[in-house]
Protein backbone atom coordinates (compact mmCIF):
# COMPACT_ATOMS: atom_id res chain seq x y z
CA MET A 1 53.36 -0.03 -7.29
CA LEU A 2 51.90 -2.03 -4.47
CA SER A 3 52.29 -5.79 -4.72
CA PHE A 4 48.71 -6.49 -3.66
CA LEU A 5 47.14 -4.56 -6.56
CA LYS A 6 44.79 -6.60 -8.68
CA SER A 7 44.93 -6.88 -12.43
CA LYS A 8 42.36 -4.67 -14.17
CA LYS A 9 41.06 -7.54 -16.31
CA THR A 10 40.73 -10.24 -13.62
CA SER A 11 40.68 -10.69 -9.89
CA GLU A 12 44.13 -12.29 -10.11
CA PRO A 13 46.96 -10.61 -8.21
CA ALA A 14 49.01 -8.28 -10.35
CA SER A 15 51.92 -9.94 -12.15
CA GLN A 16 55.46 -8.93 -11.33
CA TYR A 17 55.46 -7.19 -14.71
CA GLN A 18 52.51 -5.06 -13.64
CA GLN A 19 53.96 -4.44 -10.17
CA LEU A 20 57.18 -3.19 -11.76
CA GLY A 21 55.31 -0.66 -13.89
CA GLY A 22 54.81 -2.64 -17.08
CA GLU A 23 56.92 -1.97 -20.14
CA GLN A 24 58.38 1.28 -18.84
CA GLY A 25 59.44 -0.16 -15.48
CA VAL A 26 60.88 -3.37 -16.91
CA ARG A 27 62.77 -1.50 -19.63
CA ALA A 28 64.20 0.81 -16.94
CA MET A 29 65.43 -2.24 -15.04
CA ALA A 30 67.10 -3.75 -18.10
CA ASP A 31 68.75 -0.45 -19.05
CA ARG A 32 69.93 0.26 -15.52
CA PHE A 33 71.43 -3.23 -15.27
CA TYR A 34 73.67 -2.52 -18.26
CA ASP A 35 74.41 1.03 -17.08
CA ILE A 36 75.77 -0.43 -13.85
CA MET A 37 77.72 -3.10 -15.71
CA GLU A 38 79.34 -0.43 -17.88
CA SER A 39 80.21 1.89 -15.00
CA ASP A 40 81.12 -0.34 -12.05
CA PRO A 41 84.72 -1.59 -12.23
CA ARG A 42 83.73 -4.62 -10.17
CA ALA A 43 81.73 -5.84 -13.21
CA LYS A 44 84.60 -5.37 -15.68
CA ASP A 45 84.99 -9.07 -16.53
CA LEU A 46 81.26 -9.47 -17.03
CA LEU A 47 81.15 -6.45 -19.33
CA GLU A 48 83.94 -7.95 -21.45
CA LEU A 49 81.74 -10.99 -22.20
CA HIS A 50 79.08 -8.83 -23.83
CA PRO A 51 79.05 -7.69 -27.47
CA GLN A 52 79.59 -3.98 -27.97
CA PRO A 53 77.74 -1.74 -28.32
CA LEU A 54 75.23 -2.99 -25.77
CA THR A 55 72.18 -1.71 -27.66
CA SER A 56 70.92 -5.07 -28.95
CA ILE A 57 71.67 -6.99 -25.76
CA ARG A 58 69.80 -4.36 -23.71
CA GLN A 59 66.76 -4.92 -25.94
CA LYS A 60 67.01 -8.71 -25.69
CA PHE A 61 67.31 -8.52 -21.91
CA PHE A 62 64.23 -6.29 -21.74
CA GLU A 63 62.34 -8.74 -23.96
CA PHE A 64 63.38 -11.67 -21.78
CA LEU A 65 62.46 -9.88 -18.54
CA SER A 66 59.09 -8.88 -19.97
CA GLY A 67 58.04 -12.50 -20.32
CA TRP A 68 59.88 -13.73 -17.22
CA PHE A 69 57.96 -11.22 -15.09
CA GLY A 70 54.60 -12.30 -16.55
CA GLY A 71 54.23 -9.65 -19.24
CA PRO A 72 54.27 -10.00 -23.03
CA GLN A 73 56.41 -12.92 -24.22
CA LEU A 74 58.51 -10.71 -26.49
CA PHE A 75 61.70 -12.79 -26.39
CA THR A 76 59.91 -16.07 -27.08
CA ALA A 77 57.99 -14.53 -29.98
CA LYS A 78 61.25 -13.40 -31.65
CA TYR A 79 63.78 -16.07 -30.68
CA GLY A 80 61.88 -19.08 -29.33
CA HIS A 81 62.19 -20.52 -25.83
CA PRO A 82 64.87 -18.66 -23.85
CA GLN A 83 66.87 -21.82 -22.97
CA LEU A 84 69.13 -19.53 -20.96
CA ARG A 85 71.65 -22.11 -19.87
CA ALA A 86 72.07 -23.47 -23.41
CA ARG A 87 72.36 -19.97 -24.90
CA HIS A 88 75.10 -19.11 -22.39
CA LEU A 89 77.15 -22.32 -22.77
CA PRO A 90 79.64 -20.67 -25.16
CA PHE A 91 80.61 -18.31 -22.33
CA ARG A 92 82.66 -19.25 -19.29
CA ILE A 93 80.35 -18.58 -16.37
CA ASP A 94 81.88 -19.27 -12.99
CA ILE A 95 81.17 -18.06 -9.48
CA ASP A 96 82.94 -14.75 -10.18
CA MET A 97 80.78 -14.10 -13.26
CA ARG A 98 77.66 -15.03 -11.30
CA ASP A 99 78.63 -12.67 -8.51
CA GLN A 100 79.35 -9.81 -10.92
CA TRP A 101 75.97 -10.33 -12.58
CA LEU A 102 74.23 -10.39 -9.21
CA LEU A 103 76.11 -7.28 -8.09
CA CYS A 104 74.54 -5.38 -10.98
CA MET A 105 71.08 -6.91 -10.58
CA TYR A 106 70.96 -6.43 -6.81
CA GLN A 107 71.79 -2.76 -7.30
CA VAL A 108 68.94 -2.43 -9.80
CA LEU A 109 66.56 -4.02 -7.32
CA ASP A 110 67.78 -1.77 -4.50
CA GLU A 111 67.28 1.32 -6.66
CA GLN A 112 64.04 0.47 -8.44
CA VAL A 113 61.95 -1.97 -6.37
CA ALA A 114 60.58 -0.28 -3.27
CA ASP A 115 58.05 -2.93 -2.27
CA PRO A 116 59.87 -5.17 0.26
CA LEU A 117 58.02 -8.38 -0.64
CA LEU A 118 58.52 -7.94 -4.38
CA HIS A 119 62.17 -6.98 -3.79
CA MET A 120 62.75 -10.18 -1.80
CA GLN A 121 60.95 -12.36 -4.35
CA LEU A 122 62.93 -10.92 -7.26
CA LYS A 123 66.21 -11.20 -5.38
CA GLN A 124 65.52 -14.88 -4.74
CA GLN A 125 64.48 -15.50 -8.35
CA PHE A 126 67.55 -13.76 -9.77
CA THR A 127 69.86 -15.53 -7.32
CA ARG A 128 68.50 -18.95 -8.38
CA LEU A 129 68.73 -18.00 -12.04
CA ALA A 130 72.32 -16.74 -11.74
CA HIS A 131 73.41 -19.84 -9.85
CA HIS A 132 71.79 -22.06 -12.51
CA MET A 133 73.89 -20.34 -15.21
CA ILE A 134 77.24 -21.47 -13.77
CA ASN A 135 78.80 -23.80 -16.31
CA THR A 136 82.40 -24.12 -15.13
CA ASP A 137 84.36 -24.48 -11.90
């Protein structure tokens, strides 16, 4: 989708959720993220932090991304405020974990986000988010 498209209901610019193709596009991003994590040996340590099978975590990630991108607040409706840093405190997240997470997410962006401006915006947002999650040296 083109980033300058307008929302059908208002004259507001389309949300990132809309630009990514709504539910279908955001779900594809969440699923591809975990596909990469499962298949890329460079993300092995990150994969080991996640409960198996990945079915429920894929759904939660989709629900989080839906709201984070300006779509339906699915995660918040089910679980309350995301409080990402607090929810991840039980896990050791260092620079290596951050980099493995970003490796997977950057690949998703490269594969699925063709619009250069949206790609850059999302890359910056995910980079800030991943850096914020570091909780150990």
